[in-house]
């Protein structure tokens, strides 16, 4: 039972990690491509992939935060989720006497 819980935590952490990397890549391409980024097919692909995360962050944040800052907020929310999942995994491993790497 513990191994399935650890597996689920690992999958969640991996999903959060991938979403964070896509947000970072989208941000880097935003800076590199400049005003012509909307015509870039890779940027549009990143935008499609990160849209659910950005929508979730927009739902959670108050209206005072502008739409330009929401991707940054989304990245930091993902970062803290990643840290929280790592901590939870560590607590479960320590509680069950497992040597989780």
N, C-alpha and C. Protein backbone atom coordinates (compact mmCIF):
# COMPACT_ATOMS: atom_id res chain seq x y z
N UNK A 1 0.82 -1.19 0.00
CA UNK A 1 0.00 0.00 0.00
C UNK A 1 0.87 1.26 0.00
N UNK A 2 1.96 1.20 0.74
CA UNK A 2 2.86 2.35 0.80
C UNK A 2 3.52 2.58 -0.55
N UNK A 3 3.87 1.49 -1.23
CA UNK A 3 4.55 1.65 -2.52
C UNK A 3 3.64 2.30 -3.56
N UNK A 4 2.34 2.00 -3.52
CA UNK A 4 1.43 2.64 -4.48
C UNK A 4 1.28 4.12 -4.15
N UNK A 5 1.27 4.48 -2.87
CA UNK A 5 1.21 5.88 -2.48
C UNK A 5 2.45 6.63 -2.91
N UNK A 6 3.60 6.00 -2.75
CA UNK A 6 4.85 6.63 -3.19
C UNK A 6 4.89 6.78 -4.71
N UNK A 7 4.33 5.79 -5.40
CA UNK A 7 4.28 5.87 -6.86
C UNK A 7 3.41 7.05 -7.31
N UNK A 8 2.25 7.20 -6.68
CA UNK A 8 1.35 8.30 -7.02
C UNK A 8 2.02 9.64 -6.72
N UNK A 9 2.69 9.74 -5.58
CA UNK A 9 3.42 10.97 -5.25
C UNK A 9 4.51 11.26 -6.28
N UNK A 10 5.21 10.22 -6.70
CA UNK A 10 6.27 10.41 -7.69
C UNK A 10 5.71 10.87 -9.03
N UNK A 11 4.57 10.30 -9.42
CA UNK A 11 3.95 10.71 -10.68
C UNK A 11 3.47 12.16 -10.59
N UNK A 12 2.84 12.53 -9.48
CA UNK A 12 2.39 13.91 -9.30
C UNK A 12 3.56 14.87 -9.33
N UNK A 13 4.63 14.50 -8.65
CA UNK A 13 5.81 15.36 -8.62
C UNK A 13 6.42 15.50 -10.02
N UNK A 14 6.44 14.41 -10.78
CA UNK A 14 6.97 14.47 -12.15
C UNK A 14 6.10 15.36 -13.04
N UNK A 15 4.78 15.28 -12.88
CA UNK A 15 3.88 16.13 -13.67
C UNK A 15 4.08 17.60 -13.33
N UNK A 16 4.24 17.90 -12.05
CA UNK A 16 4.49 19.27 -11.63
C UNK A 16 5.84 19.75 -12.18
N UNK A 17 6.81 18.88 -12.17
CA UNK A 17 8.14 19.22 -12.68
C UNK A 17 8.10 19.51 -14.18
N UNK A 18 7.40 18.68 -14.93
CA UNK A 18 7.30 18.88 -16.37
C UNK A 18 6.56 20.19 -16.68
N UNK A 19 5.48 20.45 -15.97
CA UNK A 19 4.73 21.69 -16.19
C UNK A 19 5.61 22.91 -15.88
N UNK A 20 6.41 22.83 -14.83
CA UNK A 20 7.32 23.92 -14.49
C UNK A 20 8.38 24.12 -15.56
N UNK A 21 8.90 23.04 -16.10
CA UNK A 21 9.90 23.16 -17.16
C UNK A 21 9.31 23.77 -18.43
N UNK A 22 8.06 23.40 -18.75
CA UNK A 22 7.41 24.01 -19.90
C UNK A 22 7.17 25.50 -19.68
N UNK A 23 6.82 25.89 -18.46
CA UNK A 23 6.66 27.31 -18.16
C UNK A 23 7.98 28.06 -18.29
N UNK A 24 9.06 27.44 -17.80
CA UNK A 24 10.38 28.06 -17.95
C UNK A 24 10.77 28.20 -19.42
N UNK A 25 10.51 27.16 -20.20
CA UNK A 25 10.84 27.21 -21.63
C UNK A 25 10.01 28.26 -22.35
N UNK A 26 8.74 28.37 -21.98
CA UNK A 26 7.89 29.38 -22.58
C UNK A 26 8.39 30.78 -22.23
N UNK A 27 8.81 30.97 -20.99
CA UNK A 27 9.35 32.26 -20.58
C UNK A 27 10.63 32.61 -21.31
N UNK A 28 11.50 31.62 -21.48
CA UNK A 28 12.75 31.86 -22.21
C UNK A 28 12.46 32.22 -23.66
N UNK A 29 11.53 31.52 -24.26
CA UNK A 29 11.18 31.82 -25.65
C UNK A 29 10.47 33.16 -25.78
N UNK A 30 9.74 33.53 -24.75
CA UNK A 30 9.09 34.85 -24.71
C UNK A 30 10.15 35.95 -24.79
N UNK A 31 11.23 35.76 -24.06
CA UNK A 31 12.31 36.75 -24.06
C UNK A 31 13.09 36.71 -25.37
N UNK A 32 13.39 35.51 -25.86
CA UNK A 32 14.22 35.38 -27.06
C UNK A 32 13.49 35.78 -28.34
N UNK A 33 12.22 35.43 -28.46
CA UNK A 33 11.50 35.70 -29.70
C UNK A 33 10.97 37.12 -29.77
N UNK A 34 10.77 37.75 -28.63
CA UNK A 34 10.32 39.13 -28.62
C UNK A 34 8.90 39.28 -29.14
N UNK A 35 8.67 40.31 -29.93
CA UNK A 35 7.32 40.62 -30.40
C UNK A 35 6.80 39.59 -31.41
N UNK A 36 7.68 38.85 -32.04
CA UNK A 36 7.27 37.88 -33.05
C UNK A 36 7.00 36.50 -32.46
N UNK A 37 6.88 36.41 -31.16
CA UNK A 37 6.70 35.10 -30.51
C UNK A 37 5.39 34.42 -30.87
N UNK A 38 4.32 35.19 -31.13
CA UNK A 38 3.02 34.59 -31.44
C UNK A 38 3.05 33.84 -32.77
N UNK A 39 3.97 34.18 -33.65
CA UNK A 39 4.12 33.48 -34.91
C UNK A 39 5.00 32.24 -34.81
N UNK A 40 5.64 32.06 -33.68
CA UNK A 40 6.54 30.93 -33.47
C UNK A 40 5.73 29.70 -33.09
N UNK A 41 5.88 28.64 -33.84
CA UNK A 41 5.10 27.43 -33.62
C UNK A 41 5.45 26.76 -32.28
N UNK A 42 6.71 26.83 -31.90
CA UNK A 42 7.12 26.22 -30.63
C UNK A 42 6.51 26.99 -29.46
N UNK A 43 6.52 28.30 -29.54
CA UNK A 43 5.92 29.12 -28.49
C UNK A 43 4.43 28.84 -28.37
N UNK A 44 3.75 28.72 -29.50
CA UNK A 44 2.32 28.40 -29.46
C UNK A 44 2.09 27.02 -28.86
N UNK A 45 2.98 26.07 -29.13
CA UNK A 45 2.88 24.75 -28.51
C UNK A 45 3.04 24.81 -27.00
N UNK A 46 4.03 25.57 -26.55
CA UNK A 46 4.21 25.75 -25.11
C UNK A 46 2.99 26.42 -24.48
N UNK A 47 2.42 27.35 -25.21
CA UNK A 47 1.26 28.07 -24.71
C UNK A 47 0.06 27.12 -24.52
N UNK A 48 -0.12 26.21 -25.46
CA UNK A 48 -1.20 25.23 -25.36
C UNK A 48 -0.97 24.29 -24.18
N UNK A 49 0.26 23.86 -24.01
CA UNK A 49 0.59 22.91 -22.95
C UNK A 49 0.45 23.55 -21.57
N UNK A 50 0.84 24.81 -21.45
CA UNK A 50 0.82 25.47 -20.13
C UNK A 50 -0.51 26.16 -19.82
N UNK A 51 -1.43 26.18 -20.76
CA UNK A 51 -2.70 26.86 -20.55
C UNK A 51 -3.46 26.36 -19.31
N UNK A 52 -3.57 25.04 -19.06
CA UNK A 52 -4.30 24.61 -17.85
C UNK A 52 -3.67 25.10 -16.55
N UNK A 53 -2.35 25.13 -16.50
CA UNK A 53 -1.66 25.58 -15.29
C UNK A 53 -1.88 27.08 -15.08
N UNK A 54 -1.82 27.83 -16.16
CA UNK A 54 -2.02 29.27 -16.06
C UNK A 54 -3.47 29.59 -15.68
N UNK A 55 -4.41 28.83 -16.22
CA UNK A 55 -5.82 29.03 -15.85
C UNK A 55 -6.05 28.72 -14.37
N UNK A 56 -5.40 27.67 -13.88
CA UNK A 56 -5.52 27.33 -12.47
C UNK A 56 -4.96 28.47 -11.60
N UNK A 57 -3.82 29.00 -12.01
CA UNK A 57 -3.21 30.10 -11.26
C UNK A 57 -4.09 31.35 -11.33
N UNK A 58 -4.71 31.61 -12.47
CA UNK A 58 -5.60 32.76 -12.60
C UNK A 58 -6.81 32.61 -11.69
N UNK A 59 -7.31 31.38 -11.56
CA UNK A 59 -8.46 31.11 -10.69
C UNK A 59 -8.11 31.34 -9.22
N UNK A 60 -6.89 30.98 -8.84
CA UNK A 60 -6.46 31.06 -7.44
C UNK A 60 -6.07 32.48 -7.04
N UNK A 61 -5.50 33.23 -7.96
CA UNK A 61 -4.99 34.56 -7.62
C UNK A 61 -6.10 35.60 -7.59
N UNK A 62 -5.91 36.64 -6.79
CA UNK A 62 -6.92 37.71 -6.77
C UNK A 62 -6.87 38.54 -8.06
N UNK A 63 -7.91 39.31 -8.30
CA UNK A 63 -8.00 40.11 -9.51
C UNK A 63 -6.99 41.23 -9.61
N UNK A 64 -6.35 41.57 -8.49
CA UNK A 64 -5.35 42.64 -8.48
C UNK A 64 -4.14 42.26 -9.33
N UNK A 65 -3.84 40.99 -9.38
CA UNK A 65 -2.68 40.52 -10.15
C UNK A 65 -3.04 40.54 -11.63
N UNK A 66 -2.21 41.20 -12.40
CA UNK A 66 -2.47 41.34 -13.83
C UNK A 66 -2.21 40.06 -14.60
N UNK A 67 -2.74 40.01 -15.81
CA UNK A 67 -2.60 38.81 -16.64
C UNK A 67 -1.15 38.54 -17.05
N UNK A 68 -0.32 39.57 -17.08
CA UNK A 68 1.08 39.36 -17.45
C UNK A 68 1.87 38.68 -16.33
N UNK A 69 1.41 38.83 -15.09
CA UNK A 69 2.13 38.23 -13.95
C UNK A 69 1.64 36.82 -13.62
N UNK A 70 0.52 36.41 -14.18
CA UNK A 70 -0.05 35.11 -13.83
C UNK A 70 0.89 33.94 -14.17
N UNK A 71 1.59 33.92 -15.31
CA UNK A 71 2.52 32.81 -15.55
C UNK A 71 3.63 32.73 -14.50
N UNK A 72 4.09 33.87 -14.00
CA UNK A 72 5.11 33.87 -12.96
C UNK A 72 4.54 33.29 -11.67
N UNK A 73 3.32 33.69 -11.34
CA UNK A 73 2.65 33.13 -10.16
C UNK A 73 2.45 31.64 -10.33
N UNK A 74 2.06 31.22 -11.54
CA UNK A 74 1.85 29.79 -11.81
C UNK A 74 3.15 29.01 -11.60
N UNK A 75 4.27 29.58 -12.06
CA UNK A 75 5.55 28.89 -11.88
C UNK A 75 5.88 28.74 -10.39
N UNK A 76 5.69 29.80 -9.62
CA UNK A 76 6.01 29.70 -8.20
C UNK A 76 5.05 28.79 -7.45
N UNK A 77 3.80 28.73 -7.87
CA UNK A 77 2.87 27.76 -7.28
C UNK A 77 3.33 26.33 -7.57
N UNK A 78 3.75 26.10 -8.81
CA UNK A 78 4.27 24.77 -9.16
C UNK A 78 5.54 24.45 -8.37
N UNK A 79 6.38 25.44 -8.21
CA UNK A 79 7.62 25.22 -7.45
C UNK A 79 7.31 24.79 -6.02
N UNK A 80 6.37 25.49 -5.36
CA UNK A 80 6.05 25.13 -3.98
C UNK A 80 5.29 23.82 -3.90
N UNK A 81 4.52 23.49 -4.93
CA UNK A 81 3.88 22.17 -4.96
C UNK A 81 4.94 21.08 -5.07
N UNK A 82 5.96 21.33 -5.89
CA UNK A 82 7.04 20.37 -6.08
C UNK A 82 7.79 20.15 -4.76
N UNK A 83 8.07 21.24 -4.05
CA UNK A 83 8.74 21.15 -2.75
C UNK A 83 7.86 20.41 -1.75
N UNK A 84 6.56 20.74 -1.72
CA UNK A 84 5.63 20.08 -0.80
C UNK A 84 5.50 18.60 -1.06
N UNK A 85 5.45 18.21 -2.33
CA UNK A 85 5.36 16.78 -2.66
C UNK A 85 6.65 16.05 -2.28
N UNK A 86 7.79 16.71 -2.44
CA UNK A 86 9.07 16.10 -2.04
C UNK A 86 9.10 15.91 -0.53
N UNK A 87 8.62 16.90 0.20
CA UNK A 87 8.59 16.79 1.66
C UNK A 87 7.64 15.69 2.10
N UNK A 88 6.48 15.60 1.46
CA UNK A 88 5.51 14.55 1.80
C UNK A 88 6.08 13.17 1.51
N UNK A 89 6.77 13.04 0.40
CA UNK A 89 7.41 11.76 0.07
C UNK A 89 8.46 11.39 1.12
N UNK A 90 9.22 12.37 1.56
CA UNK A 90 10.25 12.14 2.57
C UNK A 90 9.61 11.71 3.90
N UNK A 91 8.51 12.35 4.27
CA UNK A 91 7.83 12.01 5.53
C UNK A 91 7.30 10.58 5.46
N UNK A 92 6.72 10.19 4.34
CA UNK A 92 6.20 8.83 4.20
C UNK A 92 7.32 7.81 4.24
N UNK A 93 8.43 8.12 3.59
CA UNK A 93 9.57 7.19 3.61
C UNK A 93 10.14 7.04 5.01
N UNK A 94 10.27 8.15 5.73
CA UNK A 94 10.80 8.09 7.09
C UNK A 94 9.84 7.37 8.05
N UNK A 95 8.55 7.57 7.87
CA UNK A 95 7.56 6.95 8.74
C UNK A 95 7.52 5.44 8.56
N UNK A 96 7.83 4.96 7.35
CA UNK A 96 7.78 3.52 7.09
C UNK A 96 9.15 2.87 7.07
N UNK A 97 10.18 3.62 7.41
CA UNK A 97 11.53 3.06 7.46
C UNK A 97 12.08 2.68 6.12
N UNK A 98 11.67 3.39 5.07
CA UNK A 98 12.14 3.09 3.72
C UNK A 98 13.32 3.98 3.37
N UNK A 99 14.17 3.47 2.52
CA UNK A 99 15.33 4.25 2.04
C UNK A 99 14.99 4.80 0.67
N UNK A 100 14.26 5.88 0.65
CA UNK A 100 13.89 6.53 -0.62
C UNK A 100 14.99 7.50 -1.02
N UNK A 101 15.44 7.38 -2.24
CA UNK A 101 16.54 8.21 -2.73
C UNK A 101 16.07 9.50 -3.17
